[in-house]
Amino acid sequence: MRKLGPFSLLQTPSSLRTACRLGLLFSFFTLGGIRAEAPGETSTHLFILSGQSNMARMDPHLTFVPAVQAAFGADRVTVVHAAWGGQPIRRWYKQWTSSSGEKIAPTGDLYDKMMSQVKQAVANRPVETVTFVWMQGERDALRRHADVYEDSLRGLIQQLADDLGRTDLHLVIGRLSDSARYKDWRMVQAAQMRVADEHPKGAWINTDDLNSGIDGKGEEIHDNLHFSVEGYKVLGQRFADAAIQLITNQAAP
């Protein structure tokens, strides 16, 4: 066990161990907005952009970052872009199991990487709002795990809210496009819309028109799995527009 000053958690009475754990949690969860602003210090709006390939291929600096900075100020925006192509939701959701109860390793490892980036980016700065922007689901549809996707997505959102100590998490989901039509694909699409619609601060965006045109290789695509060059720019703008609206609605009297 790593030492904490002159003692370790394993060597202290249970009441003190509990207090130490709470202290560690507080030091991390100040990014959740628990700590008030100190004199001369400004809070930030935190945006966590995560998911698989279509999120990984989107450059947030083209449209997303300029839009949220224009809305809230460049000095009041923190954007974490943590996405990995071809990955199932279990790489984020730590309690994932198949419909038969099977666990497939690894689970939660990409989530831990994402949270490490979040912690580094926030650096103990007070956080005014947190918006989770999610673009993922292709791998789960392909592997026929759509039957547990909705519960997994809800679990992931709650996992993030709990870890950040937030009860006011904003959620923006990029719904899977029309590049496929099979049953599990449609199930994931429907799950994404339900989760976003039922979340108290949630929204989803349509991506059906983003996967046709000229791709990054200069080739013509039509209803492709991945988006066109222009499509990724529009994706970032739509994510930003939805996030800004959610935050503005929260601030309205």
Protein backbone atom coordinates (compact mmCIF):
# COMPACT_ATOMS: atom_id res chain seq x y z
CA MET A 1 0.00 0.00 0.00
CA ARG A 2 1.30 3.45 -0.89
CA LYS A 3 2.20 5.49 2.17
CA LEU A 4 0.17 8.58 3.03
CA GLY A 5 2.54 10.77 5.00
CA PRO A 6 3.86 8.82 8.01
CA PHE A 7 1.14 6.19 7.91
CA SER A 8 -0.76 3.96 5.50
CA LEU A 9 -4.49 3.34 5.26
CA LEU A 10 -4.01 -0.28 6.25
CA GLN A 11 -2.27 0.67 9.47
CA THR A 12 -4.87 3.04 10.89
CA PRO A 13 -8.16 2.48 12.75
CA SER A 14 -11.21 2.04 10.57
CA SER A 15 -12.62 5.47 11.40
CA LEU A 16 -9.37 7.14 10.39
CA ARG A 17 -9.09 5.04 7.25
CA THR A 18 -12.57 6.19 6.29
CA ALA A 19 -11.63 9.82 6.87
CA CYS A 20 -8.48 9.42 4.80
CA ARG A 21 -10.40 7.87 1.95
CA LEU A 22 -12.90 10.72 2.05
CA GLY A 23 -10.00 13.16 1.97
CA LEU A 24 -8.57 11.46 -1.10
CA LEU A 25 -11.96 11.48 -2.77
CA PHE A 26 -12.40 15.15 -1.96
CA SER A 27 -9.03 16.03 -3.44
CA PHE A 28 -10.07 14.37 -6.70
CA PHE A 29 -13.73 15.29 -6.75
CA THR A 30 -13.13 18.98 -6.36
CA LEU A 31 -13.27 18.80 -10.15
CA GLY A 32 -16.95 17.96 -9.67
CA GLY A 33 -17.66 21.44 -8.40
CA ILE A 34 -17.65 20.68 -4.65
CA ARG A 35 -15.07 23.36 -3.94
CA ALA A 36 -16.11 26.98 -4.26
CA GLU A 37 -14.09 29.49 -6.24
CA ALA A 38 -11.24 31.10 -4.35
CA PRO A 39 -10.48 34.81 -4.74
CA GLY A 40 -8.94 35.44 -8.14
CA GLU A 41 -9.89 31.96 -9.33
CA THR A 42 -12.39 31.15 -12.07
CA SER A 43 -14.35 27.94 -12.50
CA THR A 44 -14.49 26.01 -15.75
CA HIS A 45 -17.05 24.21 -17.87
CA LEU A 46 -15.72 20.69 -18.37
CA PHE A 47 -16.53 18.79 -21.58
CA ILE A 48 -15.57 15.11 -21.78
CA LEU A 49 -15.64 13.82 -25.37
CA SER A 50 -15.35 10.05 -25.50
CA GLY A 51 -16.30 6.99 -27.53
CA GLN A 52 -14.92 5.01 -30.43
CA SER A 53 -13.80 5.75 -34.00
CA ASN A 54 -16.15 8.53 -35.07
CA MET A 55 -15.36 10.43 -31.90
CA ALA A 56 -11.64 9.62 -32.26
CA ARG A 57 -11.60 10.91 -35.87
CA MET A 58 -13.33 14.17 -34.99
CA ASP A 59 -10.91 17.01 -34.35
CA PRO A 60 -12.63 19.04 -31.61
CA HIS A 61 -10.46 22.08 -32.33
CA LEU A 62 -12.11 22.60 -35.72
CA THR A 63 -15.64 23.37 -34.56
CA PHE A 64 -16.40 22.10 -31.04
CA VAL A 65 -13.77 24.02 -29.09
CA PRO A 66 -14.29 27.36 -30.92
CA ALA A 67 -18.05 27.11 -30.36
CA VAL A 68 -17.94 26.43 -26.61
CA GLN A 69 -15.20 29.01 -26.12
CA ALA A 70 -17.31 31.58 -27.93
CA ALA A 71 -20.23 30.73 -25.66
CA PHE A 72 -18.46 30.65 -22.31
CA GLY A 73 -15.04 32.22 -22.80
CA ALA A 74 -11.74 30.57 -23.66
CA ASP A 75 -10.56 30.78 -20.05
CA ARG A 76 -13.68 29.03 -18.74
CA VAL A 77 -13.64 25.94 -20.95
CA THR A 78 -11.80 22.64 -20.45
CA VAL A 79 -12.16 19.98 -23.18
CA VAL A 80 -10.95 16.40 -22.72
CA HIS A 81 -10.93 14.33 -25.92
CA ALA A 82 -10.46 10.66 -25.00
CA ALA A 83 -11.62 8.24 -27.71
CA TRP A 84 -10.41 4.94 -29.15
CA GLY A 85 -11.52 3.27 -32.37
CA GLY A 86 -13.29 -0.09 -32.50
CA GLN A 87 -13.95 -0.46 -28.78
CA PRO A 88 -17.06 -1.83 -27.00
CA ILE A 89 -18.74 -0.05 -24.13
CA ARG A 90 -17.38 -2.57 -21.63
CA ARG A 91 -13.99 -0.86 -21.99
CA TRP A 92 -15.66 2.07 -20.20
CA TYR A 93 -18.37 0.48 -18.05
CA LYS A 94 -16.77 -1.50 -15.23
CA GLN A 95 -19.83 -3.59 -14.32
CA TRP A 96 -20.51 -4.79 -17.86
CA THR A 97 -21.80 -8.33 -18.37
CA SER A 98 -23.42 -10.04 -21.34
CA SER A 99 -27.09 -11.01 -21.23
CA SER A 100 -25.99 -14.43 -19.99
CA GLY A 101 -23.93 -12.91 -17.19
CA GLU A 102 -20.58 -13.43 -18.89
CA LYS A 103 -17.79 -10.98 -18.10
CA ILE A 104 -15.27 -10.28 -20.86
CA ALA A 105 -11.98 -8.67 -19.90
CA PRO A 106 -10.88 -5.97 -19.97
CA THR A 107 -13.61 -3.79 -18.52
CA GLY A 108 -13.24 -0.16 -17.53
CA ASP A 109 -9.62 0.28 -18.61
CA LEU A 110 -10.38 3.01 -21.17
CA TYR A 111 -12.60 4.73 -18.63
CA ASP A 112 -9.66 4.87 -16.24
CA LYS A 113 -7.50 6.40 -18.98
CA MET A 114 -10.21 8.94 -19.71
CA MET A 115 -10.52 9.87 -16.04
CA SER A 116 -6.77 10.24 -15.75
CA GLN A 117 -6.91 12.78 -18.57
CA VAL A 118 -9.80 14.54 -16.86
CA LYS A 119 -7.95 14.82 -13.58
CA GLN A 120 -4.84 16.17 -15.29
CA ALA A 121 -6.81 18.67 -17.38
CA VAL A 122 -8.83 20.06 -14.49
CA ALA A 123 -5.88 20.13 -12.07
CA ASN A 124 -8.07 20.73 -9.02
CA ARG A 125 -9.76 23.74 -10.60
CA PRO A 126 -13.40 24.27 -9.50
CA VAL A 127 -15.80 22.99 -12.14
CA GLU A 128 -19.07 24.78 -12.83
CA THR A 129 -20.64 22.21 -15.17
CA VAL A 130 -19.72 18.82 -16.60
CA THR A 131 -20.96 17.67 -20.01
CA PHE A 132 -20.36 14.10 -21.18
CA VAL A 133 -20.39 13.84 -24.99
CA TRP A 134 -20.61 10.22 -26.16
CA MET A 135 -20.24 8.74 -29.68
CA GLN A 136 -20.01 4.95 -29.54
CA GLY A 137 -21.98 1.76 -30.09
CA GLU A 138 -20.85 0.34 -33.42
CA ARG A 139 -18.75 -2.40 -31.83
CA ASP A 140 -21.52 -3.51 -29.47
CA ALA A 141 -23.97 -3.77 -32.35
CA LEU A 142 -21.46 -5.73 -34.43
CA ARG A 143 -20.73 -8.15 -31.58
CA ARG A 144 -24.46 -8.66 -30.94
CA HIS A 145 -24.41 -7.13 -27.47
CA ALA A 146 -27.20 -4.65 -28.17
CA ASP A 147 -29.44 -6.44 -25.66
CA VAL A 148 -27.35 -5.07 -22.79
CA TYR A 149 -26.29 -1.79 -24.38
CA GLU A 150 -28.97 0.40 -22.81
CA ASP A 151 -28.29 -0.83 -19.28
CA SER A 152 -24.56 -0.50 -19.90
CA LEU A 153 -24.89 3.06 -21.15
CA ARG A 154 -27.04 4.04 -18.19
CA GLY A 155 -24.54 2.37 -15.90
CA LEU A 156 -21.64 4.23 -17.49
CA ILE A 157 -23.36 7.58 -17.08
CA GLN A 158 -24.10 6.85 -13.42
CA GLN A 159 -20.54 5.60 -12.91
CA LEU A 160 -19.19 8.90 -14.23
CA ALA A 161 -21.63 10.98 -12.21
CA ASP A 162 -20.73 9.09 -9.04
CA ASP A 163 -16.99 9.35 -9.63
CA LEU A 164 -17.24 13.09 -10.24
CA GLY A 165 -19.65 13.62 -7.37
CA ARG A 166 -22.19 15.24 -9.72
CA THR A 167 -25.97 15.09 -9.67
CA ASP A 168 -26.21 17.58 -12.54
CA LEU A 169 -24.25 15.84 -15.30
CA HIS A 170 -25.11 17.01 -18.81
CA LEU A 171 -25.28 14.34 -21.52
CA VAL A 172 -25.01 14.59 -25.30
CA ILE A 173 -25.12 11.38 -27.36
CA GLY A 174 -24.26 11.06 -31.03
CA ARG A 175 -26.76 8.48 -32.24
CA LEU A 176 -25.42 5.82 -34.61
CA SER A 177 -25.87 6.78 -38.25
CA ASP A 178 -27.75 5.00 -41.04
CA SER A 179 -24.65 3.11 -42.23
CA ALA A 180 -26.24 -0.21 -41.14
CA ARG A 181 -29.77 -1.51 -40.71
CA TYR A 182 -29.53 -4.88 -38.94
CA LYS A 183 -31.40 -5.63 -35.71
CA ASP A 184 -28.66 -4.98 -33.17
CA TRP A 185 -27.72 -1.73 -34.88
CA ARG A 186 -31.30 -0.50 -34.66
CA MET A 187 -31.47 -1.61 -31.02
CA VAL A 188 -28.41 0.44 -30.12
CA GLN A 189 -29.83 3.47 -31.95
CA ALA A 190 -33.09 3.16 -30.03
CA ALA A 191 -31.26 2.71 -26.71
CA GLN A 192 -29.18 5.84 -27.30
CA MET A 193 -32.27 7.93 -28.01
CA ARG A 194 -34.14 6.59 -24.96
CA VAL A 195 -31.23 7.21 -22.61
CA ALA A 196 -30.75 10.76 -23.85
CA ASP A 197 -34.47 11.56 -23.86
CA GLU A 198 -34.96 10.24 -20.33
CA HIS A 199 -31.89 11.91 -18.86
CA PRO A 200 -32.89 15.12 -17.03
CA LYS A 201 -30.11 17.06 -18.78
CA GLY A 202 -29.71 14.99 -21.92
CA ALA A 203 -29.86 15.36 -25.69
CA TRP A 204 -28.97 13.30 -28.75
CA ILE A 205 -27.96 14.36 -32.23
CA ASN A 206 -28.71 12.84 -35.62
CA THR A 207 -25.68 11.75 -37.68
CA ASP A 208 -27.45 10.20 -40.70
CA ASP A 209 -26.33 13.01 -43.03
CA LEU A 210 -22.67 13.04 -41.97
CA ASN A 211 -21.38 9.84 -43.59
CA SER A 212 -21.64 10.76 -47.27
CA GLY A 213 -19.28 13.00 -49.25
CA ILE A 214 -15.49 13.16 -49.43
CA ASP A 215 -13.52 11.34 -46.73
CA GLY A 216 -10.08 12.06 -45.34
CA LYS A 217 -8.45 10.12 -48.17
CA GLY A 218 -10.18 12.24 -50.81
CA GLU A 219 -12.52 9.39 -51.76
CA GLU A 220 -16.27 9.55 -52.27
CA ILE A 221 -18.29 7.75 -49.58
CA HIS A 222 -22.00 7.09 -49.19
CA ASP A 223 -23.70 5.99 -45.95
CA ASN A 224 -20.29 4.92 -44.70
CA LEU A 225 -19.43 3.72 -41.18
CA HIS A 226 -17.16 6.74 -40.82
CA PHE A 227 -17.97 10.32 -41.67
CA SER A 228 -16.83 12.69 -44.38
CA VAL A 229 -14.37 15.49 -43.73
CA GLU A 230 -17.23 17.97 -43.66
CA GLY A 231 -19.29 15.52 -41.60
CA TYR A 232 -16.78 15.56 -38.75
CA LYS A 233 -16.84 19.35 -38.70
CA VAL A 234 -20.64 19.31 -38.51
CA LEU A 235 -20.50 16.63 -35.82
CA GLY A 236 -18.38 18.87 -33.60
CA GLN A 237 -20.69 21.81 -34.17
CA ARG A 238 -23.78 19.79 -33.35
CA PHE A 239 -22.20 18.45 -30.19
CA ALA A 240 -21.31 21.99 -29.17
CA ASP A 241 -24.74 23.40 -29.98
CA ALA A 242 -26.47 20.71 -27.91
CA ALA A 243 -24.08 21.13 -24.99
CA ILE A 244 -24.39 24.92 -25.00
CA GLN A 245 -28.17 24.69 -25.01
CA LEU A 246 -28.20 22.26 -22.07
CA ILE A 247 -25.89 24.49 -20.03
CA THR A 248 -27.78 27.66 -20.95
CA ASN A 249 -31.09 26.05 -20.01
CA GLN A 250 -29.63 25.10 -16.62
CA ALA A 251 -28.51 28.68 -16.00
CA ALA A 252 -31.88 30.19 -16.99
CA PRO A 253 -34.11 31.22 -14.06
